[in-house]
N, C-alpha and C. Protein backbone atom coordinates (compact mmCIF):
# COMPACT_ATOMS: atom_id res chain seq x y z
N MET A 1 32.48 -27.16 -33.97
CA MET A 1 32.84 -28.87 -33.61
C MET A 1 32.93 -29.55 -34.59
N GLY A 2 33.15 -28.77 -35.79
CA GLY A 2 33.42 -29.83 -37.09
C GLY A 2 32.34 -30.91 -37.67
N LYS A 3 32.89 -31.28 -39.19
CA LYS A 3 31.93 -31.97 -39.94
C LYS A 3 31.44 -33.12 -39.12
N SER A 4 29.95 -33.27 -39.28
CA SER A 4 29.20 -34.36 -38.80
C SER A 4 28.46 -34.45 -39.88
N ILE A 5 28.04 -35.84 -40.56
CA ILE A 5 26.79 -35.86 -40.99
C ILE A 5 26.73 -37.30 -40.41
N ILE A 6 25.03 -36.54 -40.40
CA ILE A 6 23.82 -37.73 -39.86
C ILE A 6 23.96 -39.06 -39.92
N ASP A 7 24.09 -39.22 -41.37
CA ASP A 7 24.13 -41.15 -41.31
C ASP A 7 25.42 -41.52 -40.86
N LEU A 8 25.96 -42.43 -40.59
CA LEU A 8 26.88 -42.81 -39.55
C LEU A 8 27.09 -44.08 -40.02
N SER A 9 26.34 -44.73 -40.91
CA SER A 9 26.34 -46.28 -41.19
C SER A 9 27.50 -46.61 -42.41
N SER A 10 27.97 -45.46 -42.96
CA SER A 10 29.02 -45.44 -43.84
C SER A 10 30.07 -45.50 -43.34
N VAL A 11 30.48 -45.58 -41.74
CA VAL A 11 31.68 -45.05 -41.30
C VAL A 11 32.73 -46.26 -41.03
N THR A 12 34.26 -46.67 -42.08
CA THR A 12 34.28 -48.01 -41.98
C THR A 12 35.49 -47.57 -41.25
N ARG A 13 36.49 -46.61 -41.21
CA ARG A 13 37.30 -46.73 -39.73
C ARG A 13 37.01 -45.50 -39.03
N VAL A 14 38.19 -45.78 -38.29
CA VAL A 14 37.93 -44.11 -37.42
C VAL A 14 39.40 -43.69 -37.09
N GLY A 15 40.04 -42.74 -36.91
CA GLY A 15 40.60 -41.94 -35.55
C GLY A 15 40.27 -41.61 -34.41
N LEU A 16 41.49 -42.10 -33.48
CA LEU A 16 40.71 -41.65 -32.35
C LEU A 16 42.10 -41.04 -31.58
N ASP A 17 42.06 -39.64 -31.14
CA ASP A 17 43.02 -38.60 -30.91
C ASP A 17 42.64 -38.65 -29.17
N LEU A 18 43.79 -39.47 -28.28
CA LEU A 18 43.38 -39.57 -27.13
C LEU A 18 43.82 -38.65 -25.42
N ALA A 19 42.75 -37.95 -24.96
CA ALA A 19 43.48 -36.88 -24.05
C ALA A 19 43.12 -37.03 -22.20
N LYS A 20 42.75 -35.78 -22.06
CA LYS A 20 42.61 -36.26 -20.58
C LYS A 20 40.39 -35.66 -20.82
N ARG A 21 40.52 -34.75 -21.39
CA ARG A 21 38.85 -34.60 -21.04
C ARG A 21 38.15 -34.79 -22.69
N VAL A 22 38.84 -34.17 -23.96
CA VAL A 22 38.07 -33.81 -25.35
C VAL A 22 39.04 -34.78 -25.84
N PHE A 23 38.13 -35.62 -26.77
CA PHE A 23 38.94 -36.66 -27.51
C PHE A 23 38.18 -35.86 -29.11
N ARG A 24 39.16 -36.08 -29.92
CA ARG A 24 38.92 -35.44 -31.28
C ARG A 24 38.81 -36.86 -31.83
N ILE A 25 37.75 -36.88 -32.70
CA ILE A 25 37.72 -38.06 -33.52
C ILE A 25 37.74 -37.72 -34.94
N HIS A 26 38.27 -38.88 -35.98
CA HIS A 26 38.00 -38.87 -37.46
C HIS A 26 37.74 -39.72 -38.06
N ALA A 27 36.75 -39.73 -38.55
CA ALA A 27 36.31 -40.66 -39.41
C ALA A 27 36.11 -40.84 -40.41
N VAL A 28 36.35 -42.61 -41.89
CA VAL A 28 36.56 -42.11 -43.21
C VAL A 28 35.34 -43.59 -43.63
N ASP A 29 35.10 -43.12 -44.62
CA ASP A 29 33.50 -44.42 -45.24
C ASP A 29 34.87 -45.46 -46.02
N ALA A 30 34.27 -46.30 -46.85
CA ALA A 30 35.31 -47.17 -47.57
C ALA A 30 35.94 -46.37 -49.01
N SER A 31 35.64 -45.23 -49.22
CA SER A 31 36.69 -44.25 -50.11
C SER A 31 37.80 -43.70 -49.50
N GLY A 32 36.99 -43.54 -48.44
CA GLY A 32 38.34 -42.73 -47.59
C GLY A 32 38.15 -40.95 -47.06
N SER A 33 36.73 -41.10 -47.92
CA SER A 33 36.04 -39.71 -47.96
C SER A 33 35.60 -39.06 -45.62
N VAL A 34 35.99 -38.35 -45.70
CA VAL A 34 35.61 -37.54 -44.43
C VAL A 34 34.20 -37.88 -43.90
N VAL A 35 33.59 -38.81 -43.14
CA VAL A 35 32.63 -38.69 -42.67
C VAL A 35 32.17 -37.71 -41.56
N ILE A 36 32.68 -37.45 -40.89
CA ILE A 36 32.62 -37.40 -38.87
C ILE A 36 34.23 -36.90 -39.01
N ALA A 37 34.75 -35.59 -38.72
CA ALA A 37 35.79 -35.11 -37.51
C ALA A 37 34.75 -33.61 -37.05
N ARG A 38 35.51 -34.54 -35.14
CA ARG A 38 34.71 -33.38 -33.75
C ARG A 38 35.21 -33.96 -32.75
N SER A 39 34.94 -33.21 -32.31
CA SER A 39 35.01 -33.37 -30.99
C SER A 39 34.07 -34.17 -29.85
N VAL A 40 35.05 -35.04 -28.70
CA VAL A 40 33.74 -35.44 -28.03
C VAL A 40 34.26 -36.00 -26.50
N ASN A 41 33.75 -34.87 -25.58
CA ASN A 41 33.92 -35.43 -24.06
C ASN A 41 34.19 -36.09 -23.38
N ARG A 42 34.66 -36.92 -22.64
CA ARG A 42 35.44 -37.95 -21.68
C ARG A 42 33.74 -38.49 -21.82
N ARG A 43 32.95 -38.20 -21.01
CA ARG A 43 31.56 -38.35 -20.39
C ARG A 43 30.63 -39.30 -21.43
N THR A 44 31.30 -38.58 -23.02
CA THR A 44 29.98 -39.00 -24.09
C THR A 44 30.70 -39.81 -24.89
N LEU A 45 32.47 -40.32 -24.72
CA LEU A 45 32.60 -41.04 -25.70
C LEU A 45 31.84 -42.33 -25.92
N LEU A 46 31.84 -43.32 -25.06
CA LEU A 46 31.20 -44.53 -25.34
C LEU A 46 29.49 -44.47 -25.58
N LYS A 47 28.78 -43.26 -25.70
CA LYS A 47 27.90 -43.37 -25.64
C LYS A 47 28.20 -42.79 -27.50
N PHE A 48 28.99 -42.40 -28.02
CA PHE A 48 29.28 -41.89 -29.59
C PHE A 48 29.34 -43.15 -30.25
N PHE A 49 30.58 -43.67 -30.03
CA PHE A 49 30.91 -45.23 -30.57
C PHE A 49 29.72 -45.98 -30.77
N ASP A 50 28.80 -46.44 -29.43
CA ASP A 50 27.55 -47.33 -29.29
C ASP A 50 26.77 -47.34 -30.55
N ALA A 51 26.80 -45.62 -31.05
CA ALA A 51 26.07 -45.29 -32.19
C ALA A 51 26.51 -45.67 -33.49
N LEU A 52 27.86 -45.38 -33.24
CA LEU A 52 28.83 -46.15 -34.67
C LEU A 52 28.44 -47.80 -35.45
N PRO A 53 28.22 -47.72 -35.95
CA PRO A 53 28.68 -49.31 -36.58
C PRO A 53 30.01 -49.58 -36.58
N ARG A 54 29.93 -51.24 -36.36
CA ARG A 54 30.82 -51.60 -35.98
C ARG A 54 32.40 -51.61 -36.96
N CYS A 55 33.47 -50.91 -36.65
CA CYS A 55 33.88 -51.06 -37.88
C CYS A 55 35.39 -50.77 -37.17
N VAL A 56 36.90 -50.44 -37.54
CA VAL A 56 38.04 -50.64 -36.81
C VAL A 56 38.12 -49.07 -36.50
N VAL A 57 38.64 -49.10 -35.14
CA VAL A 57 38.90 -47.95 -34.54
C VAL A 57 40.66 -47.49 -34.54
N ALA A 58 41.23 -46.70 -34.67
CA ALA A 58 42.57 -46.50 -34.08
C ALA A 58 43.30 -45.56 -33.30
N MET A 59 44.25 -45.82 -32.42
CA MET A 59 44.52 -44.74 -32.39
C MET A 59 46.02 -44.93 -31.47
N GLU A 60 46.72 -43.50 -31.17
CA GLU A 60 48.10 -43.85 -30.70
C GLU A 60 47.85 -44.43 -29.45
N ALA A 61 49.70 -45.19 -29.47
CA ALA A 61 49.88 -46.43 -28.60
C ALA A 61 50.13 -45.61 -26.80
N CYS A 62 49.44 -45.04 -26.30
CA CYS A 62 49.81 -43.78 -25.68
C CYS A 62 49.33 -44.51 -24.19
N SER A 63 49.71 -43.13 -22.83
CA SER A 63 49.76 -43.49 -21.75
C SER A 63 48.12 -44.74 -21.39
N SER A 64 46.80 -44.38 -22.17
CA SER A 64 45.89 -44.86 -21.79
C SER A 64 44.74 -45.37 -23.08
N ALA A 65 45.61 -45.73 -23.70
CA ALA A 65 45.12 -46.22 -25.38
C ALA A 65 44.80 -47.46 -24.54
N HIS A 66 45.58 -48.32 -23.52
CA HIS A 66 45.29 -49.80 -23.76
C HIS A 66 43.56 -50.28 -23.01
N HIS A 67 43.43 -49.03 -21.68
CA HIS A 67 42.15 -48.72 -21.13
C HIS A 67 40.86 -48.37 -22.52
N TRP A 68 40.86 -47.57 -23.33
CA TRP A 68 39.74 -47.51 -24.04
C TRP A 68 40.35 -48.10 -24.82
N GLY A 69 40.81 -48.90 -25.62
CA GLY A 69 40.83 -50.12 -26.47
C GLY A 69 40.21 -51.48 -25.52
N ARG A 70 40.69 -51.60 -24.27
CA ARG A 70 39.36 -53.07 -24.20
C ARG A 70 38.03 -51.91 -24.05
N GLN A 71 37.79 -51.05 -23.43
CA GLN A 71 36.50 -50.79 -23.71
C GLN A 71 35.60 -50.83 -25.00
N LEU A 72 36.37 -50.21 -26.14
CA LEU A 72 35.72 -50.36 -27.19
C LEU A 72 35.80 -51.76 -27.93
N LEU A 73 36.78 -52.64 -27.58
CA LEU A 73 36.45 -54.28 -27.56
C LEU A 73 35.17 -54.92 -27.46
N GLU A 74 35.04 -54.38 -25.93
CA GLU A 74 33.83 -55.20 -25.28
C GLU A 74 32.63 -54.61 -26.66
N PHE A 75 32.58 -53.01 -26.91
CA PHE A 75 31.69 -52.87 -27.67
C PHE A 75 31.61 -53.55 -29.20
N GLY A 76 32.91 -54.81 -29.62
CA GLY A 76 32.15 -55.03 -30.97
C GLY A 76 33.86 -54.49 -31.50
N PHE A 77 34.42 -53.50 -31.84
CA PHE A 77 34.89 -52.93 -32.42
C PHE A 77 36.41 -53.60 -32.64
N THR A 78 37.08 -53.08 -33.96
CA THR A 78 38.44 -54.27 -33.92
C THR A 78 38.90 -52.88 -33.80
N VAL A 79 40.01 -52.70 -32.39
CA VAL A 79 40.90 -51.81 -31.78
C VAL A 79 42.59 -52.18 -32.45
N LYS A 80 43.06 -51.26 -33.00
CA LYS A 80 44.21 -51.17 -33.47
C LYS A 80 45.50 -49.92 -33.34
N LEU A 81 46.44 -50.23 -32.10
CA LEU A 81 47.07 -49.35 -31.64
C LEU A 81 48.35 -48.92 -32.41
N ILE A 82 48.62 -48.15 -32.95
CA ILE A 82 49.48 -48.12 -33.63
C ILE A 82 51.06 -46.60 -33.40
N PRO A 83 51.65 -47.29 -32.79
CA PRO A 83 52.76 -46.66 -31.89
C PRO A 83 53.29 -44.85 -32.61
N PRO A 84 53.35 -44.17 -31.89
CA PRO A 84 53.29 -42.44 -31.96
C PRO A 84 54.11 -41.92 -33.30
N ALA A 85 55.79 -42.94 -32.74
CA ALA A 85 56.50 -43.14 -34.21
C ALA A 85 55.99 -42.81 -35.33
N HIS A 86 55.44 -44.32 -35.68
CA HIS A 86 54.69 -44.45 -36.81
C HIS A 86 53.40 -44.02 -37.68
N VAL A 87 52.94 -42.90 -36.72
CA VAL A 87 51.67 -41.91 -36.90
C VAL A 87 52.33 -40.09 -37.65
N LYS A 88 53.55 -40.11 -36.62
CA LYS A 88 54.03 -38.88 -36.92
C LYS A 88 54.13 -38.13 -38.88
N PRO A 89 54.57 -39.72 -39.16
CA PRO A 89 54.49 -38.99 -40.71
C PRO A 89 53.65 -38.73 -41.40
N TYR A 90 52.50 -38.95 -41.09
CA TYR A 90 50.86 -38.29 -41.82
C TYR A 90 50.29 -37.37 -41.54
N VAL A 91 51.17 -36.37 -40.77
CA VAL A 91 50.19 -35.31 -39.37
C VAL A 91 50.48 -34.34 -40.76
N ARG A 92 49.92 -33.82 -41.63
CA ARG A 92 49.99 -32.93 -43.06
C ARG A 92 49.94 -31.60 -42.40
N ARG A 93 49.07 -30.89 -41.91
CA ARG A 93 49.70 -29.98 -40.86
C ARG A 93 50.31 -29.37 -40.03
N ASN A 94 49.92 -28.38 -39.22
CA ASN A 94 50.46 -27.84 -37.84
C ASN A 94 50.00 -29.53 -37.33
N LYS A 95 50.84 -28.99 -35.59
CA LYS A 95 50.60 -30.11 -35.06
C LYS A 95 49.31 -29.57 -34.17
N ASN A 96 48.05 -30.33 -34.03
CA ASN A 96 47.01 -30.10 -32.68
C ASN A 96 45.83 -31.38 -32.89
N ASP A 97 45.24 -31.50 -32.12
CA ASP A 97 44.36 -32.37 -32.22
C ASP A 97 43.56 -32.91 -33.21
N ALA A 98 43.09 -31.80 -34.24
CA ALA A 98 42.89 -32.60 -35.40
C ALA A 98 43.38 -33.01 -36.47
N ALA A 99 44.10 -32.56 -36.44
CA ALA A 99 45.57 -33.35 -37.34
C ALA A 99 46.02 -34.35 -36.83
N ASP A 100 46.43 -34.60 -35.64
CA ASP A 100 46.43 -36.03 -35.01
C ASP A 100 45.33 -37.39 -35.11
N ALA A 101 44.35 -36.72 -35.06
CA ALA A 101 43.32 -38.07 -35.75
C ALA A 101 42.94 -38.27 -37.01
N ALA A 102 43.45 -37.28 -37.62
CA ALA A 102 43.29 -37.31 -39.22
C ALA A 102 44.34 -38.35 -39.00
N ALA A 103 45.55 -38.13 -39.26
CA ALA A 103 47.18 -38.90 -39.34
C ALA A 103 46.88 -40.59 -38.52
N ILE A 104 45.74 -40.31 -37.55
CA ILE A 104 46.14 -42.03 -36.89
C ILE A 104 45.11 -42.83 -37.76
N CYS A 105 44.37 -41.88 -39.00
CA CYS A 105 43.03 -42.36 -39.20
C CYS A 105 44.14 -42.85 -40.42
N GLU A 106 44.58 -42.25 -41.14
CA GLU A 106 44.89 -42.58 -42.03
C GLU A 106 46.25 -43.36 -42.08
N ALA A 107 47.24 -43.12 -40.89
CA ALA A 107 48.07 -44.67 -40.24
C ALA A 107 47.56 -46.11 -40.89
N ALA A 108 46.53 -46.12 -40.13
CA ALA A 108 45.87 -47.22 -40.02
C ALA A 108 44.80 -48.12 -40.91
N GLY A 109 44.60 -46.66 -41.97
CA GLY A 109 44.42 -47.53 -43.31
C GLY A 109 45.33 -47.91 -44.15
N ARG A 110 46.80 -47.81 -43.86
CA ARG A 110 48.24 -47.98 -45.00
C ARG A 110 48.64 -49.35 -44.44
N PRO A 111 49.16 -50.04 -46.15
CA PRO A 111 49.23 -51.54 -45.57
C PRO A 111 50.84 -51.84 -45.16
N GLY A 112 50.57 -52.79 -44.77
CA GLY A 112 51.52 -52.97 -43.53
C GLY A 112 52.20 -52.32 -42.57
N GLN A 113 51.43 -51.78 -42.35
CA GLN A 113 51.26 -51.09 -41.37
C GLN A 113 51.42 -51.91 -39.55
N ARG A 114 52.09 -51.24 -39.09
CA ARG A 114 52.61 -52.27 -37.65
C ARG A 114 51.93 -51.61 -36.02
N PHE A 115 51.38 -52.53 -35.50
CA PHE A 115 50.25 -52.14 -34.88
C PHE A 115 50.87 -53.06 -33.08
N VAL A 116 49.57 -52.45 -32.11
CA VAL A 116 50.38 -52.69 -30.85
C VAL A 116 49.52 -53.45 -30.30
N PRO A 117 49.58 -54.60 -29.84
CA PRO A 117 48.18 -55.25 -29.35
C PRO A 117 47.63 -54.50 -28.15
N VAL A 118 46.22 -54.99 -27.93
CA VAL A 118 45.72 -54.08 -26.56
C VAL A 118 46.60 -54.99 -25.27
N ARG A 119 46.64 -54.06 -24.05
CA ARG A 119 47.11 -55.37 -23.33
C ARG A 119 45.77 -55.29 -22.21
N SER A 120 45.62 -56.65 -21.88
CA SER A 120 44.93 -56.55 -20.72
C SER A 120 45.41 -56.38 -19.25
N VAL A 121 44.33 -56.38 -18.81
CA VAL A 121 44.60 -54.99 -16.71
C VAL A 121 45.81 -56.04 -16.54
N GLU A 122 45.68 -57.62 -16.43
CA GLU A 122 46.90 -58.03 -15.93
C GLU A 122 48.20 -58.07 -16.13
N ASN A 123 48.28 -57.55 -17.45
CA ASN A 123 49.94 -57.64 -17.92
C ASN A 123 50.01 -56.16 -17.73
N GLN A 124 49.05 -55.22 -17.90
CA GLN A 124 49.60 -54.47 -17.43
C GLN A 124 50.25 -53.82 -15.99
N ALA A 125 49.32 -54.71 -15.61
CA ALA A 125 49.96 -54.56 -13.56
C ALA A 125 51.22 -55.35 -13.73
N ALA A 126 50.76 -55.96 -14.40
CA ALA A 126 52.61 -56.93 -14.41
C ALA A 126 54.09 -56.03 -14.75
N LEU A 127 53.30 -54.92 -15.74
CA LEU A 127 54.58 -54.51 -16.53
C LEU A 127 54.97 -53.31 -15.03
N MET A 128 54.02 -52.53 -14.56
CA MET A 128 54.11 -51.30 -13.33
C MET A 128 54.56 -52.16 -12.46
N ARG A 129 54.41 -52.93 -12.10
CA ARG A 129 55.91 -53.94 -10.64
C ARG A 129 56.67 -53.69 -11.50
N HIS A 130 57.45 -54.12 -12.75
CA HIS A 130 58.89 -54.22 -13.39
C HIS A 130 58.88 -52.91 -13.56
N ARG A 131 58.32 -51.91 -13.74
CA ARG A 131 58.94 -50.43 -14.16
C ARG A 131 59.07 -50.05 -12.49
N ALA A 132 58.43 -50.27 -11.87
CA ALA A 132 58.09 -49.40 -10.47
C ALA A 132 59.54 -50.31 -9.65
N ARG A 133 59.95 -51.23 -9.86
CA ARG A 133 61.11 -52.03 -9.46
C ARG A 133 62.82 -51.68 -10.30
N GLU A 134 62.13 -51.51 -11.34
CA GLU A 134 63.29 -50.77 -11.99
C GLU A 134 63.39 -49.04 -11.17
N LEU A 135 62.44 -47.99 -11.10
CA LEU A 135 62.59 -47.45 -10.72
C LEU A 135 63.16 -47.14 -9.32
N MET A 136 62.89 -48.28 -8.19
CA MET A 136 63.34 -48.16 -6.93
C MET A 136 64.67 -48.28 -6.94
N VAL A 137 65.32 -49.57 -8.11
CA VAL A 137 66.67 -50.20 -8.31
C VAL A 137 67.58 -49.00 -8.36
N GLY A 138 66.98 -47.94 -9.24
CA GLY A 138 67.52 -46.46 -9.89
C GLY A 138 68.06 -45.90 -9.15
N GLN A 139 67.10 -45.43 -8.19
CA GLN A 139 66.76 -44.54 -7.03
C GLN A 139 67.42 -44.97 -6.11
N ARG A 140 68.16 -46.22 -5.40
CA ARG A 140 68.61 -46.64 -4.57
C ARG A 140 70.28 -46.45 -5.33
N THR A 141 70.38 -46.86 -6.15
CA THR A 141 71.78 -46.66 -6.77
C THR A 141 71.87 -45.41 -7.04
N ALA A 142 71.66 -44.32 -6.98
CA ALA A 142 71.80 -42.70 -6.96
C ALA A 142 71.76 -42.65 -5.47
N ALA A 143 70.82 -42.54 -5.17
CA ALA A 143 71.17 -42.58 -3.72
C ALA A 143 72.51 -42.99 -2.88
N LEU A 144 73.02 -44.24 -2.79
CA LEU A 144 74.61 -44.66 -2.75
C LEU A 144 75.69 -43.96 -3.45
N ASN A 145 75.64 -43.85 -4.39
CA ASN A 145 76.72 -43.02 -4.72
C ASN A 145 76.64 -41.44 -4.74
N ALA A 146 75.44 -41.11 -4.13
CA ALA A 146 75.29 -39.96 -3.70
C ALA A 146 76.17 -39.92 -2.43
N LEU A 147 75.57 -41.14 -1.56
CA LEU A 147 76.51 -41.12 -0.58
C LEU A 147 77.56 -41.04 -0.47
N ARG A 148 78.28 -42.02 -1.24
CA ARG A 148 79.40 -42.50 -1.21
C ARG A 148 80.32 -41.43 -1.81
N GLY A 149 80.12 -39.88 -3.30
CA GLY A 149 80.74 -38.94 -3.19
C GLY A 149 80.65 -38.41 -1.92
N HIS A 150 79.91 -37.39 -0.85
CA HIS A 150 80.09 -37.58 0.31
C HIS A 150 81.08 -38.08 0.90
N LEU A 151 80.98 -39.29 1.32
CA LEU A 151 81.44 -39.72 2.10
C LEU A 151 82.98 -39.65 1.44
N SER A 152 83.42 -39.82 0.42
CA SER A 152 84.94 -39.83 -0.04
C SER A 152 85.31 -38.27 -0.08
N GLU A 153 84.31 -37.39 -0.05
CA GLU A 153 84.95 -35.64 0.55
C GLU A 153 85.57 -35.63 2.28
N ILE A 154 85.32 -36.48 2.87
CA ILE A 154 85.56 -36.21 4.44
C ILE A 154 86.76 -37.53 4.48
N GLY A 155 87.18 -38.07 3.62
CA GLY A 155 88.14 -39.26 3.33
C GLY A 155 87.91 -40.53 3.50
N VAL A 156 86.49 -40.64 3.58
CA VAL A 156 86.14 -42.17 3.31
C VAL A 156 85.55 -42.73 2.21
N CYS A 157 86.44 -43.35 1.99
CA CYS A 157 85.91 -44.25 0.46
C CYS A 157 85.76 -45.64 0.41
N ARG A 158 84.69 -45.98 -0.42
CA ARG A 158 83.83 -47.29 -0.21
C ARG A 158 83.53 -47.68 -1.95
N ARG A 159 84.14 -48.58 -2.74
CA ARG A 159 83.47 -49.30 -3.43
C ARG A 159 82.09 -49.24 -3.44
N ALA A 160 82.16 -48.82 -4.75
CA ALA A 160 80.38 -50.20 -5.24
C ALA A 160 79.90 -50.97 -5.43
N GLY A 161 79.38 -51.05 -5.04
CA GLY A 161 78.55 -52.34 -3.90
C GLY A 161 78.78 -53.13 -2.57
N GLY A 162 79.32 -51.82 -2.07
CA GLY A 162 78.67 -51.73 -0.38
C GLY A 162 80.02 -52.62 0.43
N SER A 163 81.16 -52.21 -0.54
CA SER A 163 82.41 -53.50 0.27
C SER A 163 82.99 -52.05 1.12
N GLU A 164 83.04 -52.50 2.22
CA GLU A 164 83.88 -52.59 3.62
C GLU A 164 84.76 -51.58 3.76
N ARG A 165 85.28 -52.15 2.93
CA ARG A 165 87.08 -51.15 2.89
C ARG A 165 86.88 -50.06 2.78
N LEU A 166 87.97 -49.57 3.22
CA LEU A 166 88.52 -47.98 3.29
C LEU A 166 89.38 -47.73 2.49
N CYS A 167 89.49 -46.46 1.34
CA CYS A 167 90.59 -46.33 0.60
C CYS A 167 91.82 -46.11 1.58
N PRO A 168 93.13 -46.18 0.61
CA PRO A 168 94.19 -46.28 1.08
C PRO A 168 94.61 -44.54 2.09
N GLN A 169 94.31 -43.59 1.60
CA GLN A 169 94.21 -42.57 2.25
C GLN A 169 93.67 -42.22 3.92
N ALA A 170 92.18 -43.14 3.83
CA ALA A 170 91.92 -42.89 4.95
C ALA A 170 92.34 -44.10 5.92
N ALA A 171 92.55 -45.09 5.37
CA ALA A 171 93.24 -46.29 6.61
C ALA A 171 94.50 -45.81 6.93
N GLY A 172 95.52 -44.81 6.32
CA GLY A 172 96.46 -45.23 6.41
C GLY A 172 96.25 -43.73 8.14
N LEU A 173 95.35 -42.48 7.85
CA LEU A 173 94.67 -41.97 8.29
C LEU A 173 94.85 -42.47 9.92
N ARG A 174 94.31 -44.01 9.94
CA ARG A 174 93.83 -44.46 10.85
C ARG A 174 94.60 -45.53 11.55
N ARG A 175 95.51 -45.59 11.14
CA ARG A 175 96.87 -46.30 11.72
C ARG A 175 98.11 -45.41 11.92
N ARG A 176 97.96 -44.01 11.84
CA ARG A 176 98.92 -43.47 12.72
C ARG A 176 98.61 -43.02 14.01
N ARG A 177 97.38 -42.97 13.95
CA ARG A 177 96.76 -42.49 15.24
C ARG A 177 97.25 -43.61 16.41
């Protein structure tokens, strides 16, 4: 399970490695000594944080970080989301969940570290709409390019952008008939 001291009142900073089911927690006190290093499952995560004193909780800015950030903000914690590229230099050992949680905790304590603000549900919904539209535009463009390529194999050439002109070879075939 990991290192866990009963007195949680000394915790000042927590590094939380997010996952689908099992989260890894690495907490330190004011001197930087490890107070907690353990795993917590999804069902008991908020119960665990409810027992902690209000402190800084750092996470990598990944897919579910904004959700958990909002949950922890409601509990009164200070939430800091760190871009994954800023956490990677602090991974000391082999890449695993425990090392990631320790690196997140370490990175959060560094002066000059840049953080990502926690997004609201409305902001995330707007970003999802933009991303979905970009995806659909890209798929439409790919489909039209594929269709134009297939049509050119039988002599029907069209310009990109939906122009209705035939290519010179196909136009010449039509005139001869």
